[in-house]
């Protein structure tokens, strides 16, 4: 297992390098710049800004300087939030995004797994149809529709919960539910399909013929059905834990996703690049954790 982890770690290095290279040049070749305003700055001021942020150097030299800084763990200064470095912005925003994403993922995993399991044991029943309908609803209604509806109903009409902001536990409820709903739908549908297949397998039929309780049968079937869900959790966890652009913007949360939007709109090169690197590292990390979880769930899977 250790050798497998080391191999995956080494193989991730060229992947991150390729992502950084493509993203760097795509951002720089797009028209406009971080200091292009509606009212142009004076030529001398623009020249000084470009010199301070090393934008007056050839593009390939800027690329080399960025790679050298990235190897030292330095994401550079922000062009838009000029009193902060990218590392300082991440130190403020990443805990918010990770808290929000972890709660949403946990809620989705528990709720979706339970609904999918019940639907599989009650196949073609009213409960099954209800879970399937809920899954279709959750997949088709986007977050930018769900979030305002929840704000209007629970924040303005009923006045039960805050409509935005960060700080109190109650302020987390609406954004967590908004983030979790699509994931609940996906996990419920995947769990249902996998559980139906597992319940029809030979070893589960043997357990049923022995008259074992439903709880024991469900535990064995759920372990066999967990692999597709675990595969999905890798990229889903990376996306949720690094921030949801739509949800953080609508609810006014100071997370990484909101910084990414502001960085993209204001052509903050270093902020966008830092976010891209952060998401890439999270995706690679969670994919590695998924492969390790495979071996723990299914004894037939071995990483030598």
C-alpha atoms as a PDB file:
ATOM      1  CA  UNK A   1       0.000   0.000   0.000  1.00  0.00           C
ATOM      2  CA  UNK A   2       2.835   2.407   0.839  1.00  0.00           C
ATOM      3  CA  UNK A   3       4.485   1.851  -2.531  1.00  0.00           C
ATOM      4  CA  UNK A   4       1.147   2.504  -4.252  1.00  0.00           C
ATOM      5  CA  UNK A   5       0.718   5.805  -2.386  1.00  0.00           C
ATOM      6  CA  UNK A   6       4.242   6.864  -3.318  1.00  0.00           C
ATOM      7  CA  UNK A   7       3.656   6.008  -6.982  1.00  0.00           C
ATOM      8  CA  UNK A   8       0.421   7.979  -7.035  1.00  0.00           C
ATOM      9  CA  UNK A   9       2.132  10.922  -5.360  1.00  0.00           C
ATOM     10  CA  UNK A  10       4.924  10.936  -7.918  1.00  0.00           C
ATOM     11  CA  UNK A  11       2.483  10.620 -10.813  1.00  0.00           C
ATOM     12  CA  UNK A  12       0.504  13.581  -9.459  1.00  0.00           C
ATOM     13  CA  UNK A  13       3.485  15.932  -9.846  1.00  0.00           C
ATOM     14  CA  UNK A  14       3.453  16.062 -13.687  1.00  0.00           C
ATOM     15  CA  UNK A  15      -0.353  16.309 -13.599  1.00  0.00           C
ATOM     16  CA  UNK A  16      -0.233  19.416 -11.402  1.00  0.00           C
ATOM     17  CA  UNK A  17       2.572  20.823 -13.550  1.00  0.00           C
ATOM     18  CA  UNK A  18       0.478  20.381 -16.695  1.00  0.00           C
ATOM     19  CA  UNK A  19      -2.586  21.974 -15.072  1.00  0.00           C
ATOM     20  CA  UNK A  20      -0.542  24.955 -13.856  1.00  0.00           C
ATOM     21  CA  UNK A  21       1.076  25.441 -17.266  1.00  0.00           C
ATOM     22  CA  UNK A  22      -2.155  25.323 -19.268  1.00  0.00           C
ATOM     23  CA  UNK A  23      -4.019  27.550 -16.794  1.00  0.00           C
ATOM     24  CA  UNK A  24      -1.204  30.110 -16.625  1.00  0.00           C
ATOM     25  CA  UNK A  25      -1.019  30.698 -20.361  1.00  0.00           C
ATOM     26  CA  UNK A  26      -4.796  30.561 -20.910  1.00  0.00           C
ATOM     27  CA  UNK A  27      -5.327  33.292 -18.323  1.00  0.00           C
ATOM     28  CA  UNK A  28      -2.539  35.489 -19.667  1.00  0.00           C
ATOM     29  CA  UNK A  29      -3.445  35.301 -23.362  1.00  0.00           C
ATOM     30  CA  UNK A  30      -7.032  36.448 -22.718  1.00  0.00           C
ATOM     31  CA  UNK A  31      -7.567  40.146 -23.531  1.00  0.00           C
ATOM     32  CA  UNK A  32      -7.471  42.657 -20.702  1.00  0.00           C
ATOM     33  CA  UNK A  33      -5.460  42.826 -17.521  1.00  0.00           C
ATOM     34  CA  UNK A  34      -5.772  43.294 -13.747  1.00  0.00           C
ATOM     35  CA  UNK A  35      -5.220  47.065 -13.978  1.00  0.00           C
ATOM     36  CA  UNK A  36      -7.507  47.801 -16.921  1.00  0.00           C
ATOM     37  CA  UNK A  37     -10.191  50.099 -15.528  1.00  0.00           C
ATOM     38  CA  UNK A  38     -13.078  52.038 -17.057  1.00  0.00           C
ATOM     39  CA  UNK A  39     -11.053  55.177 -16.446  1.00  0.00           C
ATOM     40  CA  UNK A  40      -7.485  54.303 -17.513  1.00  0.00           C
ATOM     41  CA  UNK A  41      -4.642  54.987 -15.110  1.00  0.00           C
ATOM     42  CA  UNK A  42      -1.860  57.381 -15.967  1.00  0.00           C
ATOM     43  CA  UNK A  43       0.897  55.865 -18.053  1.00  0.00           C
ATOM     44  CA  UNK A  44       3.507  56.276 -15.305  1.00  0.00           C
ATOM     45  CA  UNK A  45       1.224  54.700 -12.675  1.00  0.00           C
ATOM     46  CA  UNK A  46       0.468  51.772 -14.995  1.00  0.00           C
ATOM     47  CA  UNK A  47       4.160  51.313 -15.696  1.00  0.00           C
ATOM     48  CA  UNK A  48       4.984  51.251 -11.988  1.00  0.00           C
ATOM     49  CA  UNK A  49       2.235  48.732 -11.253  1.00  0.00           C
ATOM     50  CA  UNK A  50       3.377  46.446 -14.047  1.00  0.00           C
ATOM     51  CA  UNK A  51       6.953  46.676 -12.780  1.00  0.00           C
ATOM     52  CA  UNK A  52       5.982  45.969  -9.148  1.00  0.00           C
ATOM     53  CA  UNK A  53       3.947  42.896 -10.112  1.00  0.00           C
ATOM     54  CA  UNK A  54       6.568  41.811 -12.698  1.00  0.00           C
ATOM     55  CA  UNK A  55       4.081  42.059 -15.559  1.00  0.00           C
ATOM     56  CA  UNK A  56       6.566  44.050 -17.635  1.00  0.00           C
ATOM     57  CA  UNK A  57       8.736  40.970 -18.129  1.00  0.00           C
ATOM     58  CA  UNK A  58       8.382  38.489 -21.004  1.00  0.00           C
ATOM     59  CA  UNK A  59       5.584  35.962 -20.520  1.00  0.00           C
ATOM     60  CA  UNK A  60       7.888  32.965 -20.391  1.00  0.00           C
ATOM     61  CA  UNK A  61       9.957  34.687 -17.690  1.00  0.00           C
ATOM     62  CA  UNK A  62       6.789  35.422 -15.694  1.00  0.00           C
ATOM     63  CA  UNK A  63       5.931  31.734 -15.994  1.00  0.00           C
ATOM     64  CA  UNK A  64       9.332  30.701 -14.676  1.00  0.00           C
ATOM     65  CA  UNK A  65       9.095  33.120 -11.761  1.00  0.00           C
ATOM     66  CA  UNK A  66       5.626  31.838 -10.875  1.00  0.00           C
ATOM     67  CA  UNK A  67       6.771  28.198 -10.932  1.00  0.00           C
ATOM     68  CA  UNK A  68       9.768  29.020  -8.731  1.00  0.00           C
ATOM     69  CA  UNK A  69       7.531  30.807  -6.224  1.00  0.00           C
ATOM     70  CA  UNK A  70       4.977  27.981  -6.313  1.00  0.00           C
ATOM     71  CA  UNK A  71       7.666  25.438  -5.455  1.00  0.00           C
ATOM     72  CA  UNK A  72       8.391  27.507  -2.333  1.00  0.00           C
ATOM     73  CA  UNK A  73       4.693  27.455  -1.428  1.00  0.00           C
ATOM     74  CA  UNK A  74       4.270  31.119  -2.386  1.00  0.00           C
ATOM     75  CA  UNK A  75       1.111  31.829  -4.415  1.00  0.00           C
ATOM     76  CA  UNK A  76       2.087  35.480  -4.783  1.00  0.00           C
ATOM     77  CA  UNK A  77       0.267  38.716  -3.940  1.00  0.00           C
ATOM     78  CA  UNK A  78      -3.298  39.415  -4.955  1.00  0.00           C
ATOM     79  CA  UNK A  79      -3.707  41.986  -7.734  1.00  0.00           C
ATOM     80  CA  UNK A  80      -7.215  42.931  -6.584  1.00  0.00           C
ATOM     81  CA  UNK A  81      -7.050  42.518  -2.787  1.00  0.00           C
ATOM     82  CA  UNK A  82      -3.798  44.433  -2.654  1.00  0.00           C
ATOM     83  CA  UNK A  83      -3.362  44.265   1.112  1.00  0.00           C
ATOM     84  CA  UNK A  84      -3.334  40.460   1.079  1.00  0.00           C
ATOM     85  CA  UNK A  85      -1.342  37.613  -0.381  1.00  0.00           C
ATOM     86  CA  UNK A  86      -3.119  34.621  -1.915  1.00  0.00           C
ATOM     87  CA  UNK A  87      -2.011  32.473   1.035  1.00  0.00           C
ATOM     88  CA  UNK A  88      -3.645  34.920   3.454  1.00  0.00           C
ATOM     89  CA  UNK A  89      -6.885  34.895   1.456  1.00  0.00           C
ATOM     90  CA  UNK A  90      -6.893  31.089   1.459  1.00  0.00           C
ATOM     91  CA  UNK A  91      -6.222  31.060   5.199  1.00  0.00           C
ATOM     92  CA  UNK A  92      -9.392  33.131   5.636  1.00  0.00           C
ATOM     93  CA  UNK A  93     -11.589  31.494   3.002  1.00  0.00           C
ATOM     94  CA  UNK A  94     -10.619  27.824   3.027  1.00  0.00           C
ATOM     95  CA  UNK A  95     -11.885  27.066   6.573  1.00  0.00           C
ATOM     96  CA  UNK A  96     -15.265  28.527   5.584  1.00  0.00           C
ATOM     97  CA  UNK A  97     -15.476  26.484   2.381  1.00  0.00           C
ATOM     98  CA  UNK A  98     -14.262  23.294   4.054  1.00  0.00           C
ATOM     99  CA  UNK A  99     -16.734  23.635   6.934  1.00  0.00           C
ATOM    100  CA  UNK A 100     -19.592  24.263   4.540  1.00  0.00           C
ATOM    101  CA  UNK A 101     -18.545  21.463   2.178  1.00  0.00           C
ATOM    102  CA  UNK A 102     -17.912  18.901   4.924  1.00  0.00           C
ATOM    103  CA  UNK A 103     -21.329  19.494   6.487  1.00  0.00           C
ATOM    104  CA  UNK A 104     -23.055  19.330   3.092  1.00  0.00           C
ATOM    105  CA  UNK A 105     -21.196  16.154   2.113  1.00  0.00           C
ATOM    106  CA  UNK A 106     -21.943  14.470   5.435  1.00  0.00           C
ATOM    107  CA  UNK A 107     -25.621  15.391   5.198  1.00  0.00           C
ATOM    108  CA  UNK A 108     -25.793  14.160   1.598  1.00  0.00           C
ATOM    109  CA  UNK A 109     -24.024  10.893   2.375  1.00  0.00           C
ATOM    110  CA  UNK A 110     -26.241  10.030   5.354  1.00  0.00           C
ATOM    111  CA  UNK A 111     -29.525  11.161   3.795  1.00  0.00           C
ATOM    112  CA  UNK A 112     -28.833   9.909   0.280  1.00  0.00           C
ATOM    113  CA  UNK A 113     -27.475   6.577   1.485  1.00  0.00           C
ATOM    114  CA  UNK A 114     -30.474   5.989   3.740  1.00  0.00           C
ATOM    115  CA  UNK A 115     -32.998   6.930   1.043  1.00  0.00           C
ATOM    116  CA  UNK A 116     -31.278   4.798  -1.575  1.00  0.00           C
ATOM    117  CA  UNK A 117     -31.136   1.777   0.730  1.00  0.00           C
ATOM    118  CA  UNK A 118     -34.796   2.032   1.694  1.00  0.00           C
ATOM    119  CA  UNK A 119     -35.788   2.456  -1.963  1.00  0.00           C
ATOM    120  CA  UNK A 120     -33.800  -0.637  -2.950  1.00  0.00           C
ATOM    121  CA  UNK A 121     -35.487  -2.783  -0.290  1.00  0.00           C
ATOM    122  CA  UNK A 122     -38.893  -1.392  -1.350  1.00  0.00           C
ATOM    123  CA  UNK A 123     -38.348  -1.581  -5.084  1.00  0.00           C
ATOM    124  CA  UNK A 124     -41.339  -0.504  -7.229  1.00  0.00           C
ATOM    125  CA  UNK A 125     -43.199   0.721  -4.154  1.00  0.00           C
ATOM    126  CA  UNK A 126     -44.472   4.205  -3.381  1.00  0.00           C
ATOM    127  CA  UNK A 127     -41.314   4.914  -1.362  1.00  0.00           C
ATOM    128  CA  UNK A 128     -39.151   3.844  -4.294  1.00  0.00           C
ATOM    129  CA  UNK A 129     -41.018   6.111  -6.694  1.00  0.00           C
ATOM    130  CA  UNK A 130     -40.794   8.990  -4.223  1.00  0.00           C
ATOM    131  CA  UNK A 131     -37.009   8.598  -3.865  1.00  0.00           C
ATOM    132  CA  UNK A 132     -36.592   8.372  -7.640  1.00  0.00           C
ATOM    133  CA  UNK A 133     -38.694  11.499  -8.087  1.00  0.00           C
ATOM    134  CA  UNK A 134     -36.704  13.317  -5.415  1.00  0.00           C
ATOM    135  CA  UNK A 135     -33.513  12.356  -7.229  1.00  0.00           C
ATOM    136  CA  UNK A 136     -34.796  13.734 -10.522  1.00  0.00           C
ATOM    137  CA  UNK A 137     -35.933  16.934  -8.788  1.00  0.00           C
ATOM    138  CA  UNK A 138     -32.606  17.434  -7.047  1.00  0.00           C
ATOM    139  CA  UNK A 139     -30.647  16.949 -10.254  1.00  0.00           C
ATOM    140  CA  UNK A 140     -32.732  19.265 -12.415  1.00  0.00           C
ATOM    141  CA  UNK A 141     -33.176  22.272 -10.099  1.00  0.00           C
ATOM    142  CA  UNK A 142     -29.922  24.294 -10.003  1.00  0.00           C
ATOM    143  CA  UNK A 143     -28.441  25.866  -6.889  1.00  0.00           C
ATOM    144  CA  UNK A 144     -29.067  29.409  -8.079  1.00  0.00           C
ATOM    145  CA  UNK A 145     -32.803  28.621  -8.043  1.00  0.00           C
ATOM    146  CA  UNK A 146     -32.904  26.632  -4.793  1.00  0.00           C
ATOM    147  CA  UNK A 147     -30.904  29.175  -2.786  1.00  0.00           C
ATOM    148  CA  UNK A 148     -33.167  32.223  -3.363  1.00  0.00           C
ATOM    149  CA  UNK A 149     -36.284  30.112  -2.759  1.00  0.00           C
ATOM    150  CA  UNK A 150     -34.926  28.933   0.600  1.00  0.00           C
ATOM    151  CA  UNK A 151     -33.940  32.496   1.484  1.00  0.00           C
ATOM    152  CA  UNK A 152     -37.414  33.823   0.682  1.00  0.00           C
ATOM    153  CA  UNK A 153     -39.334  31.044   2.462  1.00  0.00           C
ATOM    154  CA  UNK A 154     -37.212  30.398   5.568  1.00  0.00           C
ATOM    155  CA  UNK A 155     -35.446  33.748   5.851  1.00  0.00           C
ATOM    156  CA  UNK A 156     -38.013  36.368   4.850  1.00  0.00           C
ATOM    157  CA  UNK A 157     -41.482  34.806   5.072  1.00  0.00           C
ATOM    158  CA  UNK A 158     -40.999  32.587   8.148  1.00  0.00           C
ATOM    159  CA  UNK A 159     -37.993  34.471   9.589  1.00  0.00           C
ATOM    160  CA  UNK A 160     -36.563  31.258  10.989  1.00  0.00           C
ATOM    161  CA  UNK A 161     -33.032  31.474   9.599  1.00  0.00           C
ATOM    162  CA  UNK A 162     -30.581  34.153   8.425  1.00  0.00           C
ATOM    163  CA  UNK A 163     -30.549  34.730   4.666  1.00  0.00           C
ATOM    164  CA  UNK A 164     -26.783  35.142   4.559  1.00  0.00           C
ATOM    165  CA  UNK A 165     -23.598  35.917   6.415  1.00  0.00           C
ATOM    166  CA  UNK A 166     -21.182  33.864   8.450  1.00  0.00           C
ATOM    167  CA  UNK A 167     -20.646  33.443  12.150  1.00  0.00           C
ATOM    168  CA  UNK A 168     -23.582  31.685  13.798  1.00  0.00           C
ATOM    169  CA  UNK A 169     -24.568  28.003  13.421  1.00  0.00           C
ATOM    170  CA  UNK A 170     -28.002  29.032  12.132  1.00  0.00           C
ATOM    171  CA  UNK A 171     -26.376  30.876   9.223  1.00  0.00           C
ATOM    172  CA  UNK A 172     -25.002  27.553   7.968  1.00  0.00           C
ATOM    173  CA  UNK A 173     -28.340  25.795   7.616  1.00  0.00           C
ATOM    174  CA  UNK A 174     -29.567  27.257   4.315  1.00  0.00           C
ATOM    175  CA  UNK A 175     -26.238  27.106   2.416  1.00  0.00           C
ATOM    176  CA  UNK A 176     -25.543  23.569   3.665  1.00  0.00           C
ATOM    177  CA  UNK A 177     -28.992  22.375   2.582  1.00  0.00           C
ATOM    178  CA  UNK A 178     -28.605  24.114  -0.783  1.00  0.00           C
ATOM    179  CA  UNK A 179     -25.240  22.443  -1.378  1.00  0.00           C
ATOM    180  CA  UNK A 180     -26.402  19.057  -0.136  1.00  0.00           C
ATOM    181  CA  UNK A 181     -29.622  18.694  -2.154  1.00  0.00           C
ATOM    182  CA  UNK A 182     -28.022  17.808  -5.526  1.00  0.00           C
ATOM    183  CA  UNK A 183     -25.590  15.452  -3.786  1.00  0.00           C
ATOM    184  CA  UNK A 184     -28.453  13.768  -1.912  1.00  0.00           C
ATOM    185  CA  UNK A 185     -30.157  13.112  -5.245  1.00  0.00           C
ATOM    186  CA  UNK A 186     -27.036  11.639  -6.857  1.00  0.00           C
ATOM    187  CA  UNK A 187     -26.051   9.483  -3.873  1.00  0.00           C
ATOM    188  CA  UNK A 188     -29.625   8.222  -3.388  1.00  0.00           C
ATOM    189  CA  UNK A 189     -29.916   7.150  -7.025  1.00  0.00           C
ATOM    190  CA  UNK A 190     -26.468   5.539  -7.062  1.00  0.00           C
ATOM    191  CA  UNK A 191     -27.072   3.738  -3.758  1.00  0.00           C
ATOM    192  CA  UNK A 192     -30.450   2.471  -4.941  1.00  0.00           C
ATOM    193  CA  UNK A 193     -29.051   1.078  -8.198  1.00  0.00           C
ATOM    194  CA  UNK A 194     -26.041  -0.512  -6.509  1.00  0.00           C
ATOM    195  CA  UNK A 195     -28.135  -1.960  -3.687  1.00  0.00           C
ATOM    196  CA  UNK A 196     -30.621  -3.542  -6.109  1.00  0.00           C
ATOM    197  CA  UNK A 197     -27.737  -5.227  -7.921  1.00  0.00           C
ATOM    198  CA  UNK A 198     -26.155  -6.326  -4.636  1.00  0.00           C
ATOM    199  CA  UNK A 199     -29.428  -7.734  -3.298  1.00  0.00           C
ATOM    200  CA  UNK A 200     -29.666  -9.948  -6.379  1.00  0.00           C
ATOM    201  CA  UNK A 201     -26.171 -11.375  -5.931  1.00  0.00           C
ATOM    202  CA  UNK A 202     -25.694 -14.997  -4.911  1.00  0.00           C
ATOM    203  CA  UNK A 203     -24.230 -14.417  -1.450  1.00  0.00           C
ATOM    204  CA  UNK A 204     -27.094 -12.083  -0.442  1.00  0.00           C
ATOM    205  CA  UNK A 205     -29.628 -14.641  -1.671  1.00  0.00           C
ATOM    206  CA  UNK A 206     -27.858 -17.219   0.494  1.00  0.00           C
ATOM    207  CA  UNK A 207     -28.122 -14.943   3.539  1.00  0.00           C
ATOM    208  CA  UNK A 208     -31.821 -14.451   2.865  1.00  0.00           C
ATOM    209  CA  UNK A 209     -32.399 -18.173   2.520  1.00  0.00           C
ATOM    210  CA  UNK A 210     -30.824 -18.655   5.945  1.00  0.00           C
ATOM    211  CA  UNK A 211     -33.431 -16.322   7.418  1.00  0.00           C
ATOM    212  CA  UNK A 212     -30.997 -13.710   8.711  1.00  0.00           C
ATOM    213  CA  UNK A 213     -32.425 -10.358   9.888  1.00  0.00           C
ATOM    214  CA  UNK A 214     -32.809  -7.548   7.376  1.00  0.00           C
ATOM    215  CA  UNK A 215     -30.260  -5.417   9.235  1.00  0.00           C
ATOM    216  CA  UNK A 216     -27.508  -7.995   8.694  1.00  0.00           C
ATOM    217  CA  UNK A 217     -28.456  -8.446   5.038  1.00  0.00           C
ATOM    218  CA  UNK A 218     -28.458  -4.673   4.538  1.00  0.00           C
ATOM    219  CA  UNK A 219     -25.007  -4.346   6.097  1.00  0.00           C
ATOM    220  CA  UNK A 220     -23.499  -6.939   3.750  1.00  0.00           C
ATOM    221  CA  UNK A 221     -25.298  -5.563   0.695  1.00  0.00           C
ATOM    222  CA  UNK A 222     -24.358  -1.981   1.520  1.00  0.00           C
ATOM    223  CA  UNK A 223     -20.690  -2.866   1.658  1.00  0.00           C
ATOM    224  CA  UNK A 224     -20.880  -4.377  -1.813  1.00  0.00           C
ATOM    225  CA  UNK A 225     -22.904  -1.428  -3.109  1.00  0.00           C
ATOM    226  CA  UNK A 226     -20.630   1.240  -1.632  1.00  0.00           C
ATOM    227  CA  UNK A 227     -17.932   1.164  -4.333  1.00  0.00           C
ATOM    228  CA  UNK A 228     -19.755   3.294  -6.954  1.00  0.00           C
ATOM    229  CA  UNK A 229     -20.711   5.818  -4.282  1.00  0.00           C
ATOM    230  CA  UNK A 230     -17.130   5.984  -3.013  1.00  0.00           C
ATOM    231  CA  UNK A 231     -15.941   6.618  -6.574  1.00  0.00           C
ATOM    232  CA  UNK A 232     -18.318   9.546  -6.852  1.00  0.00           C
ATOM    233  CA  UNK A 233     -17.318  10.976  -3.476  1.00  0.00           C
ATOM    234  CA  UNK A 234     -13.752  11.711  -4.638  1.00  0.00           C
ATOM    235  CA  UNK A 235     -14.424  14.559  -7.093  1.00  0.00           C
ATOM    236  CA  UNK A 236     -17.598  15.576  -5.224  1.00  0.00           C
ATOM    237  CA  UNK A 237     -15.684  16.089  -1.973  1.00  0.00           C
ATOM    238  CA  UNK A 238     -12.968  18.085  -3.741  1.00  0.00           C
ATOM    239  CA  UNK A 239     -15.552  20.367  -5.338  1.00  0.00           C
ATOM    240  CA  UNK A 240     -17.527  20.898  -2.134  1.00  0.00           C
ATOM    241  CA  UNK A 241     -14.573  21.381   0.204  1.00  0.00           C
ATOM    242  CA  UNK A 242     -12.904  23.962  -2.021  1.00  0.00           C
ATOM    243  CA  UNK A 243     -16.010  26.091  -2.176  1.00  0.00           C
ATOM    244  CA  UNK A 244     -19.178  26.435  -4.177  1.00  0.00           C
ATOM    245  CA  UNK A 245     -19.071  29.521  -6.376  1.00  0.00           C
ATOM    246  CA  UNK A 246     -22.847  29.978  -6.612  1.00  0.00           C
ATOM    247  CA  UNK A 247     -23.776  29.225  -2.989  1.00  0.00           C
ATOM    248  CA  UNK A 248     -21.024  31.299  -1.417  1.00  0.00           C
ATOM    249  CA  UNK A 249     -21.846  34.251  -3.657  1.00  0.00           C
ATOM    250  CA  UNK A 250     -25.618  34.139  -3.022  1.00  0.00           C
ATOM    251  CA  UNK A 251     -25.292  33.709   0.758  1.00  0.00           C
ATOM    252  CA  UNK A 252     -22.409  36.180   1.081  1.00  0.00           C
ATOM    253  CA  UNK A 253     -19.966  33.672   2.545  1.00  0.00           C
ATOM    254  CA  UNK A 254     -16.240  34.589   2.591  1.00  0.00           C
ATOM    255  CA  UNK A 255     -15.092  31.293   1.102  1.00  0.00           C
ATOM    256  CA  UNK A 256     -12.669  30.302  -1.632  1.00  0.00           C
ATOM    257  CA  UNK A 257     -15.445  30.032  -4.214  1.00  0.00           C
ATOM    258  CA  UNK A 258     -16.391  33.672  -3.751  1.00  0.00           C
ATOM    259  CA  UNK A 259     -12.753  34.721  -4.047  1.00  0.00           C
ATOM    260  CA  UNK A 260     -12.508  32.778  -7.301  1.00  0.00           C
ATOM    261  CA  UNK A 261     -15.461  34.707  -8.772  1.00  0.00           C
ATOM    262  CA  UNK A 262     -14.050  38.070  -7.740  1.00  0.00           C
ATOM    263  CA  UNK A 263     -10.605  37.093  -8.998  1.00  0.00           C
ATOM    264  CA  UNK A 264     -11.965  36.026 -12.374  1.00  0.00           C
ATOM    265  CA  UNK A 265     -14.086  39.167 -12.786  1.00  0.00           C
ATOM    266  CA  UNK A 266     -11.195  41.449 -11.853  1.00  0.00           C
ATOM    267  CA  UNK A 267      -8.530  39.500 -13.774  1.00  0.00           C
ATOM    268  CA  UNK A 268      -6.601  38.730 -10.602  1.00  0.00           C
ATOM    269  CA  UNK A 269      -4.119  36.326 -12.175  1.00  0.00           C
ATOM    270  CA  UNK A 270      -2.562  35.026  -8.983  1.00  0.00           C
ATOM    271  CA  UNK A 271      -5.887  34.508  -7.210  1.00  0.00           C
ATOM    272  CA  UNK A 272      -7.337  32.514 -10.109  1.00  0.00           C
ATOM    273  CA  UNK A 273      -4.143  30.477 -10.471  1.00  0.00           C
ATOM    274  CA  UNK A 274      -4.028  29.779  -6.747  1.00  0.00           C
ATOM    275  CA  UNK A 275      -7.613  28.543  -6.802  1.00  0.00           C
ATOM    276  CA  UNK A 276      -6.895  26.296  -9.798  1.00  0.00           C
ATOM    277  CA  UNK A 277      -3.877  24.769  -8.040  1.00  0.00           C
ATOM    278  CA  UNK A 278      -5.875  24.304  -4.828  1.00  0.00           C
ATOM    279  CA  UNK A 279      -8.741  22.505  -6.590  1.00  0.00           C
ATOM    280  CA  UNK A 280      -6.311  20.317  -8.578  1.00  0.00           C
ATOM    281  CA  UNK A 281      -4.498  19.233  -5.415  1.00  0.00           C
ATOM    282  CA  UNK A 282      -7.783  18.440  -3.662  1.00  0.00           C
ATOM    283  CA  UNK A 283      -9.033  16.383  -6.628  1.00  0.00           C
ATOM    284  CA  UNK A 284      -5.817  14.341  -6.779  1.00  0.00           C
ATOM    285  CA  UNK A 285      -5.793  13.879  -2.993  1.00  0.00           C
ATOM    286  CA  UNK A 286      -9.391  12.670  -2.782  1.00  0.00           C
ATOM    287  CA  UNK A 287      -8.952  10.355  -5.756  1.00  0.00           C
ATOM    288  CA  UNK A 288      -6.048   8.775  -3.879  1.00  0.00           C
ATOM    289  CA  UNK A 289      -8.208   8.430  -0.755  1.00  0.00           C
ATOM    290  CA  UNK A 290     -10.911   6.794  -2.885  1.00  0.00           C
ATOM    291  CA  UNK A 291      -8.453   4.184  -4.145  1.00  0.00           C
ATOM    292  CA  UNK A 292      -7.353   3.449  -0.574  1.00  0.00           C
ATOM    293  CA  UNK A 293     -10.981   3.192   0.541  1.00  0.00           C
ATOM    294  CA  UNK A 294     -11.590   0.689  -2.254  1.00  0.00           C
ATOM    295  CA  UNK A 295      -9.053  -1.669  -0.716  1.00  0.00           C
ATOM    296  CA  UNK A 296     -10.591  -1.270   2.739  1.00  0.00           C
ATOM    297  CA  UNK A 297     -14.156  -1.899   1.540  1.00  0.00           C
ATOM    298  CA  UNK A 298     -13.512  -4.688  -0.938  1.00  0.00           C
ATOM    299  CA  UNK A 299     -10.898  -7.283   0.121  1.00  0.00           C
ATOM    300  CA  UNK A 300     -10.518  -8.322  -3.523  1.00  0.00           C
ATOM    301  CA  UNK A 301      -8.965  -4.956  -4.365  1.00  0.00           C
ATOM    302  CA  UNK A 302      -5.268  -4.793  -3.546  1.00  0.00           C
ATOM    303  CA  UNK A 303      -2.709  -2.090  -4.337  1.00  0.00           C
ATOM    304  CA  UNK A 304       0.729  -3.672  -4.394  1.00  0.00           C
END
